[in-house]
């Protein structure tokens, strides 16, 4: 679905750009694009999750 920003009468372009960026960030569009940029096999995703969990566990110990 496309992200739309409707301009109010007399509204500057800068404020429209700020509104658009805020809306894109709140919808998580950029995060989704970055996630899908490179395909990861499910086995590699699992390995990454395990590594992240290990790091969190080690950090929480100290």
PDB file of N, CA and C in Angstrom:
ATOM      1  N   UNK A   1       0.841  -1.171   0.000  1.00  0.00           N
ATOM      2  CA  UNK A   1       0.000   0.000   0.000  1.00  0.00           C
ATOM      3  C   UNK A   1       0.890   1.239   0.000  1.00  0.00           C
ATOM      4  N   UNK A   2       0.543   2.199  -0.776  1.00  0.00           N
ATOM      5  CA  UNK A   2       1.335   3.415  -0.905  1.00  0.00           C
ATOM      6  C   UNK A   2       1.122   4.332   0.296  1.00  0.00           C
ATOM      7  N   UNK A   3       2.172   5.008   0.664  1.00  0.00           N
ATOM      8  CA  UNK A   3       2.099   5.979   1.743  1.00  0.00           C
ATOM      9  C   UNK A   3       1.730   7.327   1.144  1.00  0.00           C
ATOM     10  N   UNK A   4       0.659   7.904   1.642  1.00  0.00           N
ATOM     11  CA  UNK A   4       0.180   9.174   1.098  1.00  0.00           C
ATOM     12  C   UNK A   4       0.233  10.254   2.169  1.00  0.00           C
ATOM     13  N   UNK A   5       0.625  11.444   1.745  1.00  0.00           N
ATOM     14  CA  UNK A   5       0.610  12.616   2.607  1.00  0.00           C
ATOM     15  C   UNK A   5      -0.183  13.688   1.872  1.00  0.00           C
ATOM     16  N   UNK A   6      -1.235  14.151   2.495  1.00  0.00           N
ATOM     17  CA  UNK A   6      -2.103  15.142   1.862  1.00  0.00           C
ATOM     18  C   UNK A   6      -1.669  16.536   2.308  1.00  0.00           C
ATOM     19  N   UNK A   7      -1.475  17.415   1.348  1.00  0.00           N
ATOM     20  CA  UNK A   7      -1.023  18.777   1.633  1.00  0.00           C
ATOM     21  C   UNK A   7      -2.204  19.658   2.033  1.00  0.00           C
ATOM     22  N   UNK A   8      -2.007  20.408   3.098  1.00  0.00           N
ATOM     23  CA  UNK A   8      -2.985  21.398   3.523  1.00  0.00           C
ATOM     24  C   UNK A   8      -2.697  22.695   2.768  1.00  0.00           C
ATOM     25  N   UNK A   9      -3.680  23.540   2.590  1.00  0.00           N
ATOM     26  CA  UNK A   9      -3.431  24.812   1.887  1.00  0.00           C
ATOM     27  C   UNK A   9      -2.379  25.648   2.627  1.00  0.00           C
ATOM     28  N   UNK A  10      -1.375  26.099   1.894  1.00  0.00           N
ATOM     29  CA  UNK A  10      -0.333  26.940   2.477  1.00  0.00           C
ATOM     30  C   UNK A  10       0.741  26.176   3.217  1.00  0.00           C
ATOM     31  N   UNK A  11       0.747  24.860   3.121  1.00  0.00           N
ATOM     32  CA  UNK A  11       1.752  24.054   3.826  1.00  0.00           C
ATOM     33  C   UNK A  11       3.019  23.966   2.975  1.00  0.00           C
ATOM     34  N   UNK A  12       4.157  24.117   3.628  1.00  0.00           N
ATOM     35  CA  UNK A  12       5.419  24.122   2.882  1.00  0.00           C
ATOM     36  C   UNK A  12       5.831  22.702   2.497  1.00  0.00           C
ATOM     37  N   UNK A  13       6.704  22.629   1.519  1.00  0.00           N
ATOM     38  CA  UNK A  13       7.197  21.331   1.046  1.00  0.00           C
ATOM     39  C   UNK A  13       8.030  20.652   2.121  1.00  0.00           C
ATOM     40  N   UNK A  14       8.779  21.459   2.886  1.00  0.00           N
ATOM     41  CA  UNK A  14       9.606  20.888   3.954  1.00  0.00           C
ATOM     42  C   UNK A  14       8.758  20.164   4.997  1.00  0.00           C
ATOM     43  N   UNK A  15       7.631  20.758   5.363  1.00  0.00           N
ATOM     44  CA  UNK A  15       6.775  20.105   6.355  1.00  0.00           C
ATOM     45  C   UNK A  15       6.145  18.837   5.776  1.00  0.00           C
ATOM     46  N   UNK A  16       5.855  18.842   4.475  1.00  0.00           N
ATOM     47  CA  UNK A  16       5.323  17.635   3.831  1.00  0.00           C
ATOM     48  C   UNK A  16       6.360  16.513   3.836  1.00  0.00           C
ATOM     49  N   UNK A  17       7.605  16.870   3.569  1.00  0.00           N
ATOM     50  CA  UNK A  17       8.672  15.864   3.581  1.00  0.00           C
ATOM     51  C   UNK A  17       8.834  15.298   4.986  1.00  0.00           C
ATOM     52  N   UNK A  18       8.784  16.174   6.003  1.00  0.00           N
ATOM     53  CA  UNK A  18       8.884  15.700   7.387  1.00  0.00           C
ATOM     54  C   UNK A  18       7.734  14.758   7.735  1.00  0.00           C
ATOM     55  N   UNK A  19       6.519  15.120   7.319  1.00  0.00           N
ATOM     56  CA  UNK A  19       5.351  14.259   7.557  1.00  0.00           C
ATOM     57  C   UNK A  19       5.530  12.898   6.888  1.00  0.00           C
ATOM     58  N   UNK A  20       5.993  12.936   5.639  1.00  0.00           N
ATOM     59  CA  UNK A  20       6.193  11.696   4.892  1.00  0.00           C
ATOM     60  C   UNK A  20       7.226  10.810   5.580  1.00  0.00           C
ATOM     61  N   UNK A  21       8.369  11.384   5.958  1.00  0.00           N
ATOM     62  CA  UNK A  21       9.415  10.607   6.625  1.00  0.00           C
ATOM     63  C   UNK A  21       8.914  10.015   7.938  1.00  0.00           C
ATOM     64  N   UNK A  22       8.155  10.791   8.689  1.00  0.00           N
ATOM     65  CA  UNK A  22       7.614  10.318   9.963  1.00  0.00           C
ATOM     66  C   UNK A  22       6.646   9.150   9.738  1.00  0.00           C
ATOM     67  N   UNK A  23       5.821   9.273   8.711  1.00  0.00           N
ATOM     68  CA  UNK A  23       4.845   8.228   8.404  1.00  0.00           C
ATOM     69  C   UNK A  23       5.537   6.942   7.950  1.00  0.00           C
ATOM     70  N   UNK A  24       6.552   7.080   7.095  1.00  0.00           N
ATOM     71  CA  UNK A  24       7.301   5.917   6.612  1.00  0.00           C
ATOM     72  C   UNK A  24       7.980   5.214   7.781  1.00  0.00           C
ATOM     73  N   UNK A  25       8.562   5.999   8.680  1.00  0.00           N
ATOM     74  CA  UNK A  25       9.253   5.407   9.825  1.00  0.00           C
ATOM     75  C   UNK A  25       8.264   4.713  10.766  1.00  0.00           C
ATOM     76  N   UNK A  26       7.109   5.316  10.997  1.00  0.00           N
ATOM     77  CA  UNK A  26       6.135   4.713  11.905  1.00  0.00           C
ATOM     78  C   UNK A  26       5.539   3.430  11.331  1.00  0.00           C
ATOM     79  N   UNK A  27       5.438   3.353  10.009  1.00  0.00           N
ATOM     80  CA  UNK A  27       4.901   2.150   9.384  1.00  0.00           C
ATOM     81  C   UNK A  27       5.950   1.056   9.240  1.00  0.00           C
ATOM     82  N   UNK A  28       7.218   1.396   9.456  1.00  0.00           N
ATOM     83  CA  UNK A  28       8.280   0.396   9.391  1.00  0.00           C
ATOM     84  C   UNK A  28       8.656  -0.018   7.984  1.00  0.00           C
ATOM     85  N   UNK A  29       8.425   0.836   7.030  1.00  0.00           N
ATOM     86  CA  UNK A  29       8.690   0.490   5.632  1.00  0.00           C
ATOM     87  C   UNK A  29      10.184   0.332   5.373  1.00  0.00           C
ATOM     88  N   UNK A  30      10.986   1.271   5.871  1.00  0.00           N
ATOM     89  CA  UNK A  30      12.430   1.201   5.632  1.00  0.00           C
ATOM     90  C   UNK A  30      13.049  -0.017   6.296  1.00  0.00           C
ATOM     91  N   UNK A  31      12.591  -0.337   7.495  1.00  0.00           N
ATOM     92  CA  UNK A  31      13.116  -1.521   8.183  1.00  0.00           C
ATOM     93  C   UNK A  31      12.799  -2.784   7.386  1.00  0.00           C
ATOM     94  N   UNK A  32      11.607  -2.836   6.829  1.00  0.00           N
ATOM     95  CA  UNK A  32      11.204  -3.996   6.026  1.00  0.00           C
ATOM     96  C   UNK A  32      12.042  -4.100   4.753  1.00  0.00           C
ATOM     97  N   UNK A  33      12.323  -2.972   4.134  1.00  0.00           N
ATOM     98  CA  UNK A  33      13.144  -2.978   2.916  1.00  0.00           C
ATOM     99  C   UNK A  33      14.546  -3.468   3.225  1.00  0.00           C
ATOM    100  N   UNK A  34      15.125  -2.977   4.314  1.00  0.00           N
ATOM    101  CA  UNK A  34      16.473  -3.407   4.686  1.00  0.00           C
ATOM    102  C   UNK A  34      16.498  -4.897   5.008  1.00  0.00           C
ATOM    103  N   UNK A  35      15.433  -5.387   5.635  1.00  0.00           N
ATOM    104  CA  UNK A  35      15.370  -6.801   5.986  1.00  0.00           C
ATOM    105  C   UNK A  35      15.293  -7.677   4.737  1.00  0.00           C
ATOM    106  N   UNK A  36      14.586  -7.207   3.723  1.00  0.00           N
ATOM    107  CA  UNK A  36      14.390  -7.997   2.506  1.00  0.00           C
ATOM    108  C   UNK A  36      15.462  -7.761   1.443  1.00  0.00           C
ATOM    109  N   UNK A  37      16.411  -6.874   1.728  1.00  0.00           N
ATOM    110  CA  UNK A  37      17.412  -6.517   0.725  1.00  0.00           C
ATOM    111  C   UNK A  37      18.229  -7.728   0.294  1.00  0.00           C
ATOM    112  N   UNK A  38      18.611  -8.558   1.246  1.00  0.00           N
ATOM    113  CA  UNK A  38      19.388  -9.757   0.955  1.00  0.00           C
ATOM    114  C   UNK A  38      18.641 -10.957   1.520  1.00  0.00           C
ATOM    115  N   UNK A  39      18.486 -11.987   0.719  1.00  0.00           N
ATOM    116  CA  UNK A  39      17.778 -13.182   1.163  1.00  0.00           C
ATOM    117  C   UNK A  39      18.661 -13.984   2.102  1.00  0.00           C
ATOM    118  N   UNK A  40      18.094 -14.416   3.215  1.00  0.00           N
ATOM    119  CA  UNK A  40      18.784 -15.301   4.151  1.00  0.00           C
ATOM    120  C   UNK A  40      18.013 -16.605   4.236  1.00  0.00           C
ATOM    121  N   UNK A  41      18.745 -17.693   4.099  1.00  0.00           N
ATOM    122  CA  UNK A  41      18.101 -18.988   4.236  1.00  0.00           C
ATOM    123  C   UNK A  41      17.593 -19.125   5.671  1.00  0.00           C
ATOM    124  N   UNK A  42      16.524 -19.889   5.872  1.00  0.00           N
ATOM    125  CA  UNK A  42      15.988 -20.066   7.217  1.00  0.00           C
ATOM    126  C   UNK A  42      17.014 -20.606   8.214  1.00  0.00           C
ATOM    127  N   UNK A  43      17.907 -21.484   7.757  1.00  0.00           N
ATOM    128  CA  UNK A  43      18.922 -22.019   8.667  1.00  0.00           C
ATOM    129  C   UNK A  43      19.871 -20.915   9.131  1.00  0.00           C
ATOM    130  N   UNK A  44      20.213 -19.990   8.243  1.00  0.00           N
ATOM    131  CA  UNK A  44      21.085 -18.879   8.623  1.00  0.00           C
ATOM    132  C   UNK A  44      20.371 -17.911   9.566  1.00  0.00           C
ATOM    133  N   UNK A  45      19.066 -17.732   9.353  1.00  0.00           N
ATOM    134  CA  UNK A  45      18.296 -16.888  10.272  1.00  0.00           C
ATOM    135  C   UNK A  45      18.317 -17.474  11.680  1.00  0.00           C
ATOM    136  N   UNK A  46      18.134 -18.794  11.766  1.00  0.00           N
ATOM    137  CA  UNK A  46      18.169 -19.452  13.079  1.00  0.00           C
ATOM    138  C   UNK A  46      19.530 -19.278  13.736  1.00  0.00           C
ATOM    139  N   UNK A  47      20.593 -19.439  12.959  1.00  0.00           N
ATOM    140  CA  UNK A  47      21.941 -19.278  13.503  1.00  0.00           C
ATOM    141  C   UNK A  47      22.145 -17.859  14.031  1.00  0.00           C
ATOM    142  N   UNK A  48      21.659 -16.876  13.306  1.00  0.00           N
ATOM    143  CA  UNK A  48      21.798 -15.498  13.757  1.00  0.00           C
ATOM    144  C   UNK A  48      21.025 -15.259  15.050  1.00  0.00           C
ATOM    145  N   UNK A  49      19.823 -15.816  15.144  1.00  0.00           N
ATOM    146  CA  UNK A  49      19.040 -15.659  16.364  1.00  0.00           C
ATOM    147  C   UNK A  49      19.755 -16.273  17.556  1.00  0.00           C
ATOM    148  N   UNK A  50      20.360 -17.442  17.348  1.00  0.00           N
ATOM    149  CA  UNK A  50      21.097 -18.109  18.421  1.00  0.00           C
ATOM    150  C   UNK A  50      22.291 -17.264  18.841  1.00  0.00           C
ATOM    151  N   UNK A  51      23.022 -16.707  17.883  1.00  0.00           N
ATOM    152  CA  UNK A  51      24.175 -15.869  18.201  1.00  0.00           C
ATOM    153  C   UNK A  51      23.760 -14.621  18.974  1.00  0.00           C
ATOM    154  N   UNK A  52      22.674 -14.009  18.576  1.00  0.00           N
ATOM    155  CA  UNK A  52      22.181 -12.822  19.282  1.00  0.00           C
ATOM    156  C   UNK A  52      21.779 -13.184  20.705  1.00  0.00           C
ATOM    157  N   UNK A  53      21.116 -14.320  20.868  1.00  0.00           N
ATOM    158  CA  UNK A  53      20.708 -14.760  22.199  1.00  0.00           C
ATOM    159  C   UNK A  53      21.930 -15.015  23.077  1.00  0.00           C
ATOM    160  N   UNK A  54      22.970 -15.608  22.517  1.00  0.00           N
ATOM    161  CA  UNK A  54      24.203 -15.844  23.281  1.00  0.00           C
ATOM    162  C   UNK A  54      24.823 -14.532  23.740  1.00  0.00           C
ATOM    163  N   UNK A  55      24.898 -13.569  22.834  1.00  0.00           N
ATOM    164  CA  UNK A  55      25.473 -12.270  23.188  1.00  0.00           C
ATOM    165  C   UNK A  55      24.677 -11.605  24.307  1.00  0.00           C
ATOM    166  N   UNK A  56      23.344 -11.656  24.213  1.00  0.00           N
ATOM    167  CA  UNK A  56      22.502 -11.060  25.245  1.00  0.00           C
ATOM    168  C   UNK A  56      22.721 -11.748  26.586  1.00  0.00           C
ATOM    169  N   UNK A  57      22.848 -13.066  26.561  1.00  0.00           N
ATOM    170  CA  UNK A  57      23.060 -13.824  27.788  1.00  0.00           C
ATOM    171  C   UNK A  57      24.394 -13.444  28.427  1.00  0.00           C
ATOM    172  N   UNK A  58      25.436 -13.361  27.613  1.00  0.00           N
ATOM    173  CA  UNK A  58      26.762 -13.015  28.133  1.00  0.00           C
ATOM    174  C   UNK A  58      26.759 -11.592  28.688  1.00  0.00           C
ATOM    175  N   UNK A  59      26.112 -10.670  28.000  1.00  0.00           N
ATOM    176  CA  UNK A  59      26.050  -9.281  28.473  1.00  0.00           C
ATOM    177  C   UNK A  59      25.264  -9.174  29.770  1.00  0.00           C
ATOM    178  N   UNK A  60      24.213  -9.970  29.907  1.00  0.00           N
ATOM    179  CA  UNK A  60      23.392  -9.891  31.116  1.00  0.00           C
ATOM    180  C   UNK A  60      24.122 -10.456  32.332  1.00  0.00           C
ATOM    181  N   UNK A  61      25.099 -11.334  32.115  1.00  0.00           N
ATOM    182  CA  UNK A  61      25.865 -11.894  33.228  1.00  0.00           C
ATOM    183  C   UNK A  61      26.750 -10.845  33.885  1.00  0.00           C
ATOM    184  N   UNK A  62      27.267  -9.929  33.074  1.00  0.00           N
ATOM    185  CA  UNK A  62      28.199  -8.935  33.614  1.00  0.00           C
ATOM    186  C   UNK A  62      27.459  -7.752  34.041  1.00  0.00           C
TER     187      UNK A  62
END
